[in-house]
Amino acid sequence: MGDKKISDALGSHPVMVFPDDYEVFDFSEGFNPKQVQQFIDSGKRAVGGYLEKRKNMYVAPQYQNRRNVHMGIDFWAPAEEPVYTPFPGVVAYTRNNAQMGNYGPTIVLQHVIDGVKIFALYGHLSAHSLEELQAGDTLQAGDVVGRLGNFNENGKWPPHLHYQLSILDPGEADMPGVVSEDEAEKASVIYPDPRLFIGQLYG
């Protein structure tokens, strides 16, 4: 796996089960959804994204192509692939953020790690995922949180998981997945690098 290590992960289970030869995407020079979809259709997998300034990716009206610094890690894989919780937790919020360019079906878990509450957002899930869990449900490390949604249900994106952590209770099944450059430093305190918790997946 080269420099892509998960041995230092605090969690006891990966967020997604990937082969060793997964790739690392870089959208700092642009995003081509057709190419990404072809990559996924070929059976390949990729990760990447935390604090990456992405060019011409967030063009939906709510982003104005100004909010373009990514606050989570993406896991790119085919629709219906399962996603897991690395830590024991409780379902805090669920919602379908159905606006185009948004998360689509979303689940937020609450964890307690070393005595500190951490909230984990799983975005771009399948609609069926919201039927499987409800607020208050308890999960153990390694339990399935949901499955990746397809283009028609996940906010109109090639299938992937947006995984984001927050040290503050978001109060709903939502977090700002991208922020403007002038907001990024402050946002990175609230939304820490997931690799600190789930392992050095890249970089």
N, C-alpha and C. Protein backbone atom coordinates (compact mmCIF):
# COMPACT_ATOMS: atom_id res chain seq x y z
N MET A 1 0.83 -1.21 0.00
CA MET A 1 0.00 0.00 0.00
C MET A 1 0.86 1.25 0.00
N GLY A 2 2.18 1.10 0.03
CA GLY A 2 3.06 2.27 -0.03
C GLY A 2 2.86 3.19 1.14
N ASP A 3 2.60 4.48 0.84
CA ASP A 3 2.42 5.46 1.91
C ASP A 3 0.97 5.55 2.36
N LYS A 4 0.13 4.67 1.90
CA LYS A 4 -1.28 4.67 2.30
C LYS A 4 -1.44 3.68 3.44
N LYS A 5 -1.42 4.17 4.66
CA LYS A 5 -1.39 3.29 5.83
C LYS A 5 -2.67 3.44 6.65
N ILE A 6 -3.16 2.32 7.14
CA ILE A 6 -4.31 2.37 8.05
C ILE A 6 -3.95 1.77 9.40
N SER A 7 -2.67 1.40 9.59
CA SER A 7 -2.28 0.74 10.83
C SER A 7 -2.37 1.66 12.04
N ASP A 8 -2.36 2.99 11.80
CA ASP A 8 -2.43 3.92 12.92
C ASP A 8 -3.86 4.40 13.17
N ALA A 9 -4.84 3.73 12.57
CA ALA A 9 -6.23 4.12 12.77
C ALA A 9 -6.66 3.85 14.20
N LEU A 10 -7.46 4.77 14.77
CA LEU A 10 -8.02 4.57 16.10
C LEU A 10 -9.19 3.59 16.05
N GLY A 11 -9.91 3.59 14.94
CA GLY A 11 -11.04 2.70 14.80
C GLY A 11 -10.61 1.27 14.52
N SER A 12 -11.50 0.33 14.81
CA SER A 12 -11.16 -1.08 14.65
C SER A 12 -11.68 -1.66 13.34
N HIS A 13 -12.30 -0.82 12.50
CA HIS A 13 -12.81 -1.30 11.22
C HIS A 13 -12.70 -0.15 10.21
N PRO A 14 -12.36 -0.45 8.94
CA PRO A 14 -12.29 0.62 7.94
C PRO A 14 -13.68 1.17 7.61
N VAL A 15 -13.70 2.41 7.15
CA VAL A 15 -14.96 3.02 6.72
C VAL A 15 -15.50 2.31 5.48
N MET A 16 -14.59 1.97 4.55
CA MET A 16 -14.94 1.14 3.40
C MET A 16 -13.84 0.12 3.19
N VAL A 17 -14.20 -1.04 2.70
CA VAL A 17 -13.23 -2.10 2.45
C VAL A 17 -12.75 -1.96 1.01
N PHE A 18 -11.50 -1.53 0.84
CA PHE A 18 -10.91 -1.29 -0.46
C PHE A 18 -9.76 -2.26 -0.70
N PRO A 19 -9.45 -2.54 -1.97
CA PRO A 19 -8.24 -3.31 -2.27
C PRO A 19 -7.00 -2.48 -1.98
N ASP A 20 -5.85 -3.12 -1.89
CA ASP A 20 -4.61 -2.41 -1.58
C ASP A 20 -4.21 -1.41 -2.65
N ASP A 21 -4.65 -1.64 -3.89
CA ASP A 21 -4.18 -0.80 -4.99
C ASP A 21 -5.15 0.34 -5.34
N TYR A 22 -5.88 0.84 -4.34
CA TYR A 22 -6.75 1.98 -4.61
C TYR A 22 -5.92 3.20 -4.98
N GLU A 23 -6.54 4.14 -5.65
CA GLU A 23 -5.85 5.34 -6.10
C GLU A 23 -6.23 6.54 -5.24
N VAL A 24 -5.50 7.63 -5.41
CA VAL A 24 -5.77 8.89 -4.71
C VAL A 24 -6.15 9.93 -5.75
N PHE A 25 -7.35 10.43 -5.66
CA PHE A 25 -7.82 11.45 -6.61
C PHE A 25 -7.35 12.84 -6.18
N ASP A 26 -7.08 13.68 -7.17
CA ASP A 26 -6.73 15.08 -6.96
C ASP A 26 -7.55 15.90 -7.94
N PHE A 27 -8.49 16.69 -7.40
CA PHE A 27 -9.35 17.50 -8.24
C PHE A 27 -8.97 18.98 -8.17
N SER A 28 -7.76 19.26 -7.74
CA SER A 28 -7.33 20.66 -7.63
C SER A 28 -7.21 21.33 -9.00
N GLU A 29 -7.07 20.53 -10.06
CA GLU A 29 -6.96 21.09 -11.41
C GLU A 29 -8.23 20.89 -12.22
N GLY A 30 -9.27 20.35 -11.58
CA GLY A 30 -10.54 20.19 -12.29
C GLY A 30 -11.17 18.84 -12.01
N PHE A 31 -12.47 18.77 -12.28
CA PHE A 31 -13.28 17.59 -12.00
C PHE A 31 -14.07 17.23 -13.25
N ASN A 32 -13.90 16.00 -13.72
CA ASN A 32 -14.64 15.52 -14.88
C ASN A 32 -15.50 14.34 -14.43
N PRO A 33 -16.80 14.56 -14.21
CA PRO A 33 -17.64 13.49 -13.66
C PRO A 33 -17.72 12.26 -14.56
N LYS A 34 -17.67 12.46 -15.88
CA LYS A 34 -17.73 11.30 -16.79
C LYS A 34 -16.49 10.42 -16.62
N GLN A 35 -15.33 11.04 -16.49
CA GLN A 35 -14.10 10.27 -16.29
C GLN A 35 -14.14 9.53 -14.96
N VAL A 36 -14.65 10.19 -13.92
CA VAL A 36 -14.74 9.55 -12.61
C VAL A 36 -15.70 8.36 -12.68
N GLN A 37 -16.84 8.54 -13.36
CA GLN A 37 -17.79 7.45 -13.48
C GLN A 37 -17.17 6.27 -14.24
N GLN A 38 -16.42 6.55 -15.30
CA GLN A 38 -15.76 5.49 -16.06
C GLN A 38 -14.74 4.76 -15.19
N PHE A 39 -14.03 5.50 -14.37
CA PHE A 39 -13.06 4.91 -13.44
C PHE A 39 -13.77 3.94 -12.49
N ILE A 40 -14.88 4.37 -11.94
CA ILE A 40 -15.63 3.53 -11.00
C ILE A 40 -16.19 2.31 -11.72
N ASP A 41 -16.73 2.52 -12.92
CA ASP A 41 -17.31 1.41 -13.68
C ASP A 41 -16.26 0.36 -14.05
N SER A 42 -14.99 0.77 -14.11
CA SER A 42 -13.92 -0.17 -14.45
C SER A 42 -13.55 -1.07 -13.27
N GLY A 43 -14.17 -0.82 -12.12
CA GLY A 43 -13.90 -1.64 -10.94
C GLY A 43 -12.83 -1.09 -10.03
N LYS A 44 -12.33 0.11 -10.30
CA LYS A 44 -11.29 0.70 -9.48
C LYS A 44 -11.90 1.48 -8.32
N ARG A 45 -11.05 1.81 -7.34
CA ARG A 45 -11.47 2.56 -6.16
C ARG A 45 -10.50 3.71 -5.92
N ALA A 46 -10.96 4.76 -5.27
CA ALA A 46 -10.10 5.91 -4.98
C ALA A 46 -10.56 6.61 -3.72
N VAL A 47 -9.63 7.35 -3.11
CA VAL A 47 -9.93 8.17 -1.94
C VAL A 47 -9.32 9.55 -2.17
N GLY A 48 -9.59 10.46 -1.25
CA GLY A 48 -8.93 11.76 -1.30
C GLY A 48 -9.83 12.90 -0.90
N GLY A 49 -9.20 14.07 -0.74
CA GLY A 49 -9.99 15.27 -0.67
C GLY A 49 -9.87 16.22 0.50
N TYR A 50 -9.35 15.81 1.67
CA TYR A 50 -9.45 16.71 2.82
C TYR A 50 -8.63 17.98 2.59
N LEU A 51 -9.28 19.13 2.78
CA LEU A 51 -8.72 20.47 2.58
C LEU A 51 -8.22 20.71 1.16
N GLU A 52 -8.68 19.90 0.24
CA GLU A 52 -8.32 20.10 -1.16
C GLU A 52 -9.17 21.22 -1.75
N LYS A 53 -8.51 22.18 -2.40
CA LYS A 53 -9.24 23.22 -3.13
C LYS A 53 -9.55 22.68 -4.51
N ARG A 54 -10.83 22.46 -4.79
CA ARG A 54 -11.25 21.78 -6.00
C ARG A 54 -11.74 22.77 -7.04
N LYS A 55 -11.23 22.60 -8.24
CA LYS A 55 -11.51 23.53 -9.32
C LYS A 55 -12.73 23.08 -10.13
N ASN A 56 -13.69 24.00 -10.28
CA ASN A 56 -14.86 23.78 -11.14
C ASN A 56 -15.62 22.50 -10.80
N MET A 57 -15.70 22.21 -9.52
CA MET A 57 -16.44 21.01 -9.08
C MET A 57 -17.77 21.38 -8.44
N TYR A 58 -17.80 22.47 -7.71
CA TYR A 58 -19.00 22.84 -6.97
C TYR A 58 -19.65 24.03 -7.67
N VAL A 59 -20.39 23.70 -8.72
CA VAL A 59 -20.97 24.72 -9.58
C VAL A 59 -22.47 24.86 -9.39
N ALA A 60 -23.06 24.02 -8.51
CA ALA A 60 -24.48 24.16 -8.20
C ALA A 60 -24.71 25.53 -7.56
N PRO A 61 -25.91 26.09 -7.71
CA PRO A 61 -26.16 27.46 -7.24
C PRO A 61 -25.77 27.72 -5.79
N GLN A 62 -25.94 26.75 -4.91
CA GLN A 62 -25.66 26.99 -3.49
C GLN A 62 -24.17 27.18 -3.20
N TYR A 63 -23.31 26.76 -4.11
CA TYR A 63 -21.86 26.90 -3.91
C TYR A 63 -21.28 28.11 -4.62
N GLN A 64 -21.89 28.51 -5.73
CA GLN A 64 -21.44 29.66 -6.52
C GLN A 64 -19.99 29.52 -6.97
N ASN A 65 -19.50 28.30 -7.01
CA ASN A 65 -18.10 28.02 -7.38
C ASN A 65 -17.13 28.81 -6.51
N ARG A 66 -17.59 29.20 -5.32
CA ARG A 66 -16.75 29.95 -4.37
C ARG A 66 -16.41 29.08 -3.17
N ARG A 67 -17.38 28.28 -2.73
CA ARG A 67 -17.11 27.31 -1.67
C ARG A 67 -16.51 26.08 -2.35
N ASN A 68 -15.21 25.91 -2.26
CA ASN A 68 -14.55 24.85 -3.01
C ASN A 68 -13.42 24.15 -2.26
N VAL A 69 -13.29 24.41 -0.94
CA VAL A 69 -12.30 23.71 -0.13
C VAL A 69 -13.02 22.58 0.60
N HIS A 70 -12.60 21.37 0.34
CA HIS A 70 -13.32 20.17 0.77
C HIS A 70 -12.98 19.81 2.20
N MET A 71 -13.99 19.57 3.04
CA MET A 71 -13.80 19.38 4.47
C MET A 71 -13.90 17.93 4.93
N GLY A 72 -13.99 17.01 4.00
CA GLY A 72 -14.05 15.60 4.36
C GLY A 72 -13.13 14.78 3.48
N ILE A 73 -13.26 13.47 3.59
CA ILE A 73 -12.57 12.53 2.70
C ILE A 73 -13.62 11.80 1.89
N ASP A 74 -13.36 11.66 0.59
CA ASP A 74 -14.25 10.92 -0.29
C ASP A 74 -13.71 9.51 -0.53
N PHE A 75 -14.63 8.57 -0.61
CA PHE A 75 -14.33 7.20 -0.98
C PHE A 75 -15.14 6.90 -2.25
N TRP A 76 -14.45 6.77 -3.38
CA TRP A 76 -15.12 6.58 -4.67
C TRP A 76 -15.22 5.09 -4.99
N ALA A 77 -16.44 4.61 -5.21
CA ALA A 77 -16.69 3.18 -5.41
C ALA A 77 -18.08 3.03 -6.02
N PRO A 78 -18.43 1.84 -6.51
CA PRO A 78 -19.74 1.66 -7.14
C PRO A 78 -20.91 1.84 -6.16
N ALA A 79 -22.04 2.23 -6.71
CA ALA A 79 -23.26 2.31 -5.92
C ALA A 79 -23.56 0.97 -5.28
N GLU A 80 -24.14 1.03 -4.09
CA GLU A 80 -24.52 -0.13 -3.27
C GLU A 80 -23.37 -0.74 -2.50
N GLU A 81 -22.14 -0.23 -2.65
CA GLU A 81 -21.06 -0.70 -1.80
C GLU A 81 -21.35 -0.30 -0.34
N PRO A 82 -21.12 -1.19 0.63
CA PRO A 82 -21.43 -0.85 2.02
C PRO A 82 -20.40 0.08 2.64
N VAL A 83 -20.85 0.88 3.58
CA VAL A 83 -19.97 1.73 4.38
C VAL A 83 -20.18 1.37 5.84
N TYR A 84 -19.11 1.53 6.63
CA TYR A 84 -19.10 1.01 8.00
C TYR A 84 -18.73 2.10 8.99
N THR A 85 -19.02 1.83 10.24
CA THR A 85 -18.54 2.70 11.30
C THR A 85 -17.27 2.11 11.93
N PRO A 86 -16.20 2.89 12.02
CA PRO A 86 -14.97 2.38 12.65
C PRO A 86 -15.07 2.30 14.17
N PHE A 87 -16.05 3.01 14.73
CA PHE A 87 -16.17 3.13 16.18
C PHE A 87 -17.60 2.78 16.61
N PRO A 88 -17.79 2.34 17.84
CA PRO A 88 -19.14 2.26 18.38
C PRO A 88 -19.79 3.65 18.36
N GLY A 89 -21.08 3.70 18.15
CA GLY A 89 -21.73 4.99 18.10
C GLY A 89 -23.24 4.89 18.13
N VAL A 90 -23.86 6.05 18.10
CA VAL A 90 -25.32 6.15 18.10
C VAL A 90 -25.73 7.01 16.91
N VAL A 91 -26.80 6.63 16.24
CA VAL A 91 -27.32 7.44 15.15
C VAL A 91 -27.89 8.73 15.74
N ALA A 92 -27.31 9.84 15.31
CA ALA A 92 -27.77 11.13 15.83
C ALA A 92 -28.84 11.75 14.93
N TYR A 93 -28.62 11.73 13.62
CA TYR A 93 -29.53 12.38 12.69
C TYR A 93 -29.55 11.63 11.36
N THR A 94 -30.69 11.67 10.68
CA THR A 94 -30.80 11.17 9.31
C THR A 94 -31.67 12.15 8.52
N ARG A 95 -31.36 12.26 7.24
CA ARG A 95 -32.16 13.14 6.38
C ARG A 95 -31.74 12.94 4.93
N ASN A 96 -32.66 13.17 4.03
CA ASN A 96 -32.33 13.21 2.61
C ASN A 96 -32.14 14.66 2.20
N ASN A 97 -30.89 15.05 2.00
CA ASN A 97 -30.57 16.39 1.51
C ASN A 97 -30.63 16.35 -0.02
N ALA A 98 -31.85 16.43 -0.55
CA ALA A 98 -32.12 16.04 -1.93
C ALA A 98 -31.77 17.11 -2.97
N GLN A 99 -31.40 18.30 -2.54
CA GLN A 99 -31.04 19.36 -3.48
C GLN A 99 -29.90 18.91 -4.40
N MET A 100 -29.98 19.24 -5.68
CA MET A 100 -28.93 18.86 -6.61
C MET A 100 -27.57 19.41 -6.14
N GLY A 101 -26.57 18.56 -6.15
CA GLY A 101 -25.25 18.96 -5.69
C GLY A 101 -25.05 18.78 -4.20
N ASN A 102 -26.11 18.41 -3.48
CA ASN A 102 -26.01 18.22 -2.04
C ASN A 102 -25.66 16.76 -1.73
N TYR A 103 -25.82 16.36 -0.47
CA TYR A 103 -25.42 15.03 -0.03
C TYR A 103 -26.39 13.92 -0.41
N GLY A 104 -27.62 14.26 -0.76
CA GLY A 104 -28.60 13.20 -0.87
C GLY A 104 -28.83 12.56 0.49
N PRO A 105 -29.16 11.27 0.55
CA PRO A 105 -29.38 10.61 1.85
C PRO A 105 -28.13 10.68 2.74
N THR A 106 -28.35 11.12 3.97
CA THR A 106 -27.24 11.43 4.88
C THR A 106 -27.53 10.88 6.26
N ILE A 107 -26.49 10.33 6.88
CA ILE A 107 -26.59 9.83 8.26
C ILE A 107 -25.43 10.41 9.06
N VAL A 108 -25.73 10.88 10.26
CA VAL A 108 -24.70 11.37 11.18
C VAL A 108 -24.70 10.50 12.42
N LEU A 109 -23.52 9.99 12.76
CA LEU A 109 -23.34 9.20 13.98
C LEU A 109 -22.65 10.04 15.05
N GLN A 110 -22.96 9.75 16.30
CA GLN A 110 -22.22 10.34 17.43
C GLN A 110 -21.35 9.27 18.06
N HIS A 111 -20.06 9.58 18.19
CA HIS A 111 -19.10 8.68 18.84
C HIS A 111 -18.56 9.36 20.09
N VAL A 112 -18.04 8.58 21.00
CA VAL A 112 -17.25 9.10 22.11
C VAL A 112 -15.87 8.45 22.00
N ILE A 113 -14.87 9.26 21.68
CA ILE A 113 -13.51 8.77 21.46
C ILE A 113 -12.60 9.41 22.49
N ASP A 114 -11.99 8.59 23.32
CA ASP A 114 -11.14 9.10 24.41
C ASP A 114 -11.88 10.13 25.25
N GLY A 115 -13.15 9.88 25.49
CA GLY A 115 -13.96 10.75 26.33
C GLY A 115 -14.50 11.98 25.65
N VAL A 116 -14.24 12.13 24.35
CA VAL A 116 -14.68 13.32 23.61
C VAL A 116 -15.73 12.94 22.57
N LYS A 117 -16.81 13.71 22.50
CA LYS A 117 -17.84 13.46 21.50
C LYS A 117 -17.34 13.90 20.12
N ILE A 118 -17.51 13.02 19.15
CA ILE A 118 -17.17 13.30 17.76
C ILE A 118 -18.38 12.89 16.92
N PHE A 119 -18.73 13.73 15.95
CA PHE A 119 -19.85 13.45 15.07
C PHE A 119 -19.31 13.12 13.68
N ALA A 120 -19.82 12.05 13.08
CA ALA A 120 -19.35 11.58 11.77
C ALA A 120 -20.50 11.61 10.78
N LEU A 121 -20.29 12.34 9.68
CA LEU A 121 -21.31 12.44 8.64
C LEU A 121 -20.98 11.48 7.50
N TYR A 122 -21.99 10.73 7.07
CA TYR A 122 -21.91 9.86 5.91
C TYR A 122 -22.86 10.42 4.86
N GLY A 123 -22.32 10.99 3.79
CA GLY A 123 -23.14 11.60 2.76
C GLY A 123 -23.10 10.84 1.45
N HIS A 124 -24.14 11.04 0.63
CA HIS A 124 -24.30 10.41 -0.70
C HIS A 124 -24.64 8.93 -0.60
N LEU A 125 -25.47 8.60 0.38
CA LEU A 125 -25.89 7.22 0.57
C LEU A 125 -27.10 6.89 -0.32
N SER A 126 -27.49 5.63 -0.29
CA SER A 126 -28.69 5.22 -1.01
C SER A 126 -29.93 5.61 -0.21
N ALA A 127 -31.03 5.77 -0.88
CA ALA A 127 -32.28 6.10 -0.19
C ALA A 127 -32.67 4.98 0.78
N HIS A 128 -32.35 3.75 0.40
CA HIS A 128 -32.69 2.61 1.26
C HIS A 128 -31.95 2.67 2.60
N SER A 129 -30.77 3.31 2.60
CA SER A 129 -30.00 3.41 3.84
C SER A 129 -30.79 4.12 4.93
N LEU A 130 -31.62 5.09 4.54
CA LEU A 130 -32.40 5.83 5.53
C LEU A 130 -33.54 5.01 6.10
N GLU A 131 -33.87 3.91 5.44
CA GLU A 131 -34.93 3.04 5.95
C GLU A 131 -34.39 2.03 6.96
N GLU A 132 -33.07 1.85 6.98
CA GLU A 132 -32.46 0.83 7.83
C GLU A 132 -32.13 1.34 9.23
N LEU A 133 -31.86 2.65 9.34
CA LEU A 133 -31.46 3.21 10.63
C LEU A 133 -32.34 4.40 10.97
N GLN A 134 -32.48 4.65 12.26
CA GLN A 134 -33.17 5.85 12.72
C GLN A 134 -32.44 6.41 13.93
N ALA A 135 -32.71 7.66 14.25
CA ALA A 135 -32.05 8.32 15.37
C ALA A 135 -32.24 7.51 16.64
N GLY A 136 -31.14 7.33 17.37
CA GLY A 136 -31.16 6.57 18.61
C GLY A 136 -30.65 5.15 18.47
N ASP A 137 -30.56 4.64 17.24
CA ASP A 137 -30.04 3.29 17.05
C ASP A 137 -28.57 3.24 17.45
N THR A 138 -28.18 2.13 18.06
CA THR A 138 -26.79 1.94 18.51
C THR A 138 -26.06 1.01 17.54
N LEU A 139 -24.82 1.40 17.21
CA LEU A 139 -23.99 0.61 16.31
C LEU A 139 -22.69 0.24 16.99
N GLN A 140 -22.17 -0.91 16.65
CA GLN A 140 -20.85 -1.34 17.09
C GLN A 140 -19.85 -1.14 15.96
N ALA A 141 -18.57 -1.04 16.30
CA ALA A 141 -17.53 -0.90 15.28
C ALA A 141 -17.65 -2.05 14.28
N GLY A 142 -17.66 -1.70 13.00
CA GLY A 142 -17.80 -2.70 11.95
C GLY A 142 -19.21 -2.89 11.45
N ASP A 143 -20.19 -2.29 12.11
CA ASP A 143 -21.56 -2.38 11.63
C ASP A 143 -21.74 -1.54 10.36
N VAL A 144 -22.64 -2.00 9.49
CA VAL A 144 -22.94 -1.26 8.27
C VAL A 144 -23.80 -0.05 8.61
N VAL A 145 -23.35 1.12 8.13
CA VAL A 145 -24.12 2.36 8.30
C VAL A 145 -25.11 2.51 7.15
N GLY A 146 -24.69 2.14 5.96
CA GLY A 146 -25.54 2.26 4.78
C GLY A 146 -24.79 1.80 3.56
N ARG A 147 -25.32 2.17 2.40
CA ARG A 147 -24.69 1.83 1.13
C ARG A 147 -24.63 3.06 0.24
N LEU A 148 -23.67 3.08 -0.67
CA LEU A 148 -23.52 4.23 -1.55
C LEU A 148 -24.72 4.37 -2.47
N GLY A 149 -25.14 5.60 -2.66
CA GLY A 149 -26.26 5.87 -3.55
C GLY A 149 -25.83 6.03 -4.99
N ASN A 150 -26.76 5.87 -5.90
CA ASN A 150 -26.47 6.10 -7.31
C ASN A 150 -26.71 7.57 -7.67
N PHE A 151 -26.38 7.91 -8.90
CA PHE A 151 -26.44 9.29 -9.39
C PHE A 151 -27.81 9.91 -9.17
N ASN A 152 -28.85 9.14 -9.35
CA ASN A 152 -30.20 9.69 -9.28
C ASN A 152 -30.69 9.97 -7.87
N GLU A 153 -29.97 9.46 -6.86
CA GLU A 153 -30.43 9.65 -5.48
C GLU A 153 -29.40 10.30 -4.58
N ASN A 154 -28.16 10.50 -5.05
CA ASN A 154 -27.09 10.95 -4.16
C ASN A 154 -26.68 12.41 -4.37
N GLY A 155 -27.56 13.19 -5.00
CA GLY A 155 -27.23 14.58 -5.26
C GLY A 155 -26.68 14.82 -6.65
N LYS A 156 -26.76 13.81 -7.52
CA LYS A 156 -26.28 13.89 -8.91
C LYS A 156 -24.76 13.86 -8.99
N TRP A 157 -24.15 12.91 -8.28
CA TRP A 157 -22.70 12.73 -8.30
C TRP A 157 -22.37 11.30 -8.73
N PRO A 158 -21.19 11.08 -9.29
CA PRO A 158 -20.72 9.70 -9.40
C PRO A 158 -20.70 9.10 -7.99
N PRO A 159 -21.01 7.83 -7.85
CA PRO A 159 -21.16 7.27 -6.50
C PRO A 159 -19.89 7.37 -5.66
N HIS A 160 -20.07 7.85 -4.45
CA HIS A 160 -18.96 7.95 -3.49
C HIS A 160 -19.53 8.25 -2.11
N LEU A 161 -18.70 8.05 -1.12
CA LEU A 161 -19.03 8.44 0.26
C LEU A 161 -18.28 9.71 0.60
N HIS A 162 -19.00 10.70 1.12
CA HIS A 162 -18.36 11.86 1.75
C HIS A 162 -18.37 11.59 3.24
N TYR A 163 -17.17 11.45 3.83
CA TYR A 163 -17.03 11.15 5.25
C TYR A 163 -16.39 12.35 5.93
N GLN A 164 -17.09 12.92 6.89
CA GLN A 164 -16.62 14.16 7.54
C GLN A 164 -16.86 14.07 9.04
N LEU A 165 -15.90 14.58 9.80
CA LEU A 165 -16.01 14.60 11.25
C LEU A 165 -16.21 16.01 11.76
N SER A 166 -16.87 16.13 12.91
CA SER A 166 -17.09 17.42 13.55
C SER A 166 -16.93 17.28 15.05
N ILE A 167 -16.26 18.26 15.66
CA ILE A 167 -16.15 18.26 17.12
C ILE A 167 -17.35 18.95 17.77
N LEU A 168 -18.20 19.57 16.94
CA LEU A 168 -19.42 20.20 17.42
C LEU A 168 -20.62 19.42 16.92
N ASP A 169 -21.67 19.41 17.72
CA ASP A 169 -22.92 18.77 17.34
C ASP A 169 -23.54 19.59 16.21
N PRO A 170 -23.71 19.00 15.01
CA PRO A 170 -24.27 19.78 13.91
C PRO A 170 -25.75 20.08 14.07
N GLY A 171 -26.43 19.34 14.94
CA GLY A 171 -27.85 19.60 15.19
C GLY A 171 -28.78 19.07 14.13
N GLU A 172 -28.24 18.50 13.07
CA GLU A 172 -29.03 17.96 11.96
C GLU A 172 -28.12 17.08 11.11
N ALA A 173 -28.70 16.41 10.15
CA ALA A 173 -27.92 15.54 9.27
C ALA A 173 -27.31 16.37 8.14
N ASP A 174 -26.41 17.25 8.54
CA ASP A 174 -25.78 18.15 7.56
C ASP A 174 -24.54 18.77 8.19
N MET A 175 -23.55 19.03 7.38
CA MET A 175 -22.36 19.81 7.73
C MET A 175 -21.90 20.49 6.44
N PRO A 176 -21.23 21.64 6.52
CA PRO A 176 -20.71 22.25 5.31
C PRO A 176 -19.56 21.42 4.74
N GLY A 177 -19.84 20.68 3.67
CA GLY A 177 -18.83 19.79 3.10
C GLY A 177 -17.74 20.52 2.35
N VAL A 178 -18.04 21.73 1.91
CA VAL A 178 -17.04 22.60 1.29
C VAL A 178 -17.23 24.01 1.83
N VAL A 179 -16.13 24.72 1.98
CA VAL A 179 -16.16 26.09 2.48
C VAL A 179 -15.30 26.96 1.57
N SER A 180 -15.42 28.27 1.73
CA SER A 180 -14.59 29.17 0.95
C SER A 180 -13.17 29.19 1.53
N GLU A 181 -12.24 29.69 0.75
CA GLU A 181 -10.84 29.72 1.20
C GLU A 181 -10.67 30.51 2.48
N ASP A 182 -11.40 31.63 2.63
CA ASP A 182 -11.22 32.44 3.82
C ASP A 182 -11.87 31.82 5.06
N GLU A 183 -12.68 30.78 4.87
CA GLU A 183 -13.29 30.08 5.99
C GLU A 183 -12.54 28.80 6.36
N ALA A 184 -11.62 28.37 5.52
CA ALA A 184 -11.04 27.02 5.63
C ALA A 184 -10.26 26.82 6.93
N GLU A 185 -9.48 27.78 7.35
CA GLU A 185 -8.66 27.59 8.55
C GLU A 185 -9.54 27.39 9.78
N LYS A 186 -10.54 28.23 9.94
CA LYS A 186 -11.45 28.09 11.08
C LYS A 186 -12.24 26.79 10.98
N ALA A 187 -12.68 26.45 9.78
CA ALA A 187 -13.48 25.24 9.59
C ALA A 187 -12.67 23.99 9.91
N SER A 188 -11.37 24.02 9.63
CA SER A 188 -10.54 22.82 9.86
C SER A 188 -10.41 22.49 11.34
N VAL A 189 -10.67 23.45 12.22
CA VAL A 189 -10.67 23.19 13.66
C VAL A 189 -11.94 22.46 14.06
N ILE A 190 -13.05 22.89 13.49
CA ILE A 190 -14.34 22.26 13.80
C ILE A 190 -14.47 20.91 13.13
N TYR A 191 -13.94 20.83 11.90
CA TYR A 191 -14.04 19.61 11.10
C TYR A 191 -12.64 19.05 10.88
N PRO A 192 -12.12 18.28 11.82
CA PRO A 192 -10.73 17.83 11.76
C PRO A 192 -10.51 16.80 10.65
N ASP A 193 -9.25 16.62 10.31
CA ASP A 193 -8.85 15.66 9.28
C ASP A 193 -9.28 14.25 9.71
N PRO A 194 -10.15 13.59 8.97
CA PRO A 194 -10.55 12.24 9.36
C PRO A 194 -9.40 11.26 9.46
N ARG A 195 -8.29 11.53 8.78
CA ARG A 195 -7.15 10.61 8.83
C ARG A 195 -6.56 10.51 10.22
N LEU A 196 -6.82 11.50 11.08
CA LEU A 196 -6.35 11.42 12.46
C LEU A 196 -7.05 10.30 13.22
N PHE A 197 -8.22 9.89 12.71
CA PHE A 197 -9.04 8.90 13.40
C PHE A 197 -9.13 7.58 12.63
N ILE A 198 -9.13 7.65 11.31
CA ILE A 198 -9.36 6.42 10.52
C ILE A 198 -8.11 5.97 9.79
N GLY A 199 -6.97 6.63 10.01
CA GLY A 199 -5.71 6.18 9.43
C GLY A 199 -5.25 7.03 8.26
N GLN A 200 -3.96 6.94 7.97
CA GLN A 200 -3.35 7.74 6.92
C GLN A 200 -3.60 7.10 5.57
N LEU A 201 -4.80 7.31 5.05
CA LEU A 201 -5.22 6.68 3.81
C LEU A 201 -4.42 7.16 2.61
N TYR A 202 -3.90 8.37 2.70
CA TYR A 202 -3.07 8.93 1.62
C TYR A 202 -2.24 10.05 2.20
N GLY A 203 -1.26 10.49 1.43
CA GLY A 203 -0.44 11.62 1.85
C GLY A 203 0.74 11.22 2.71
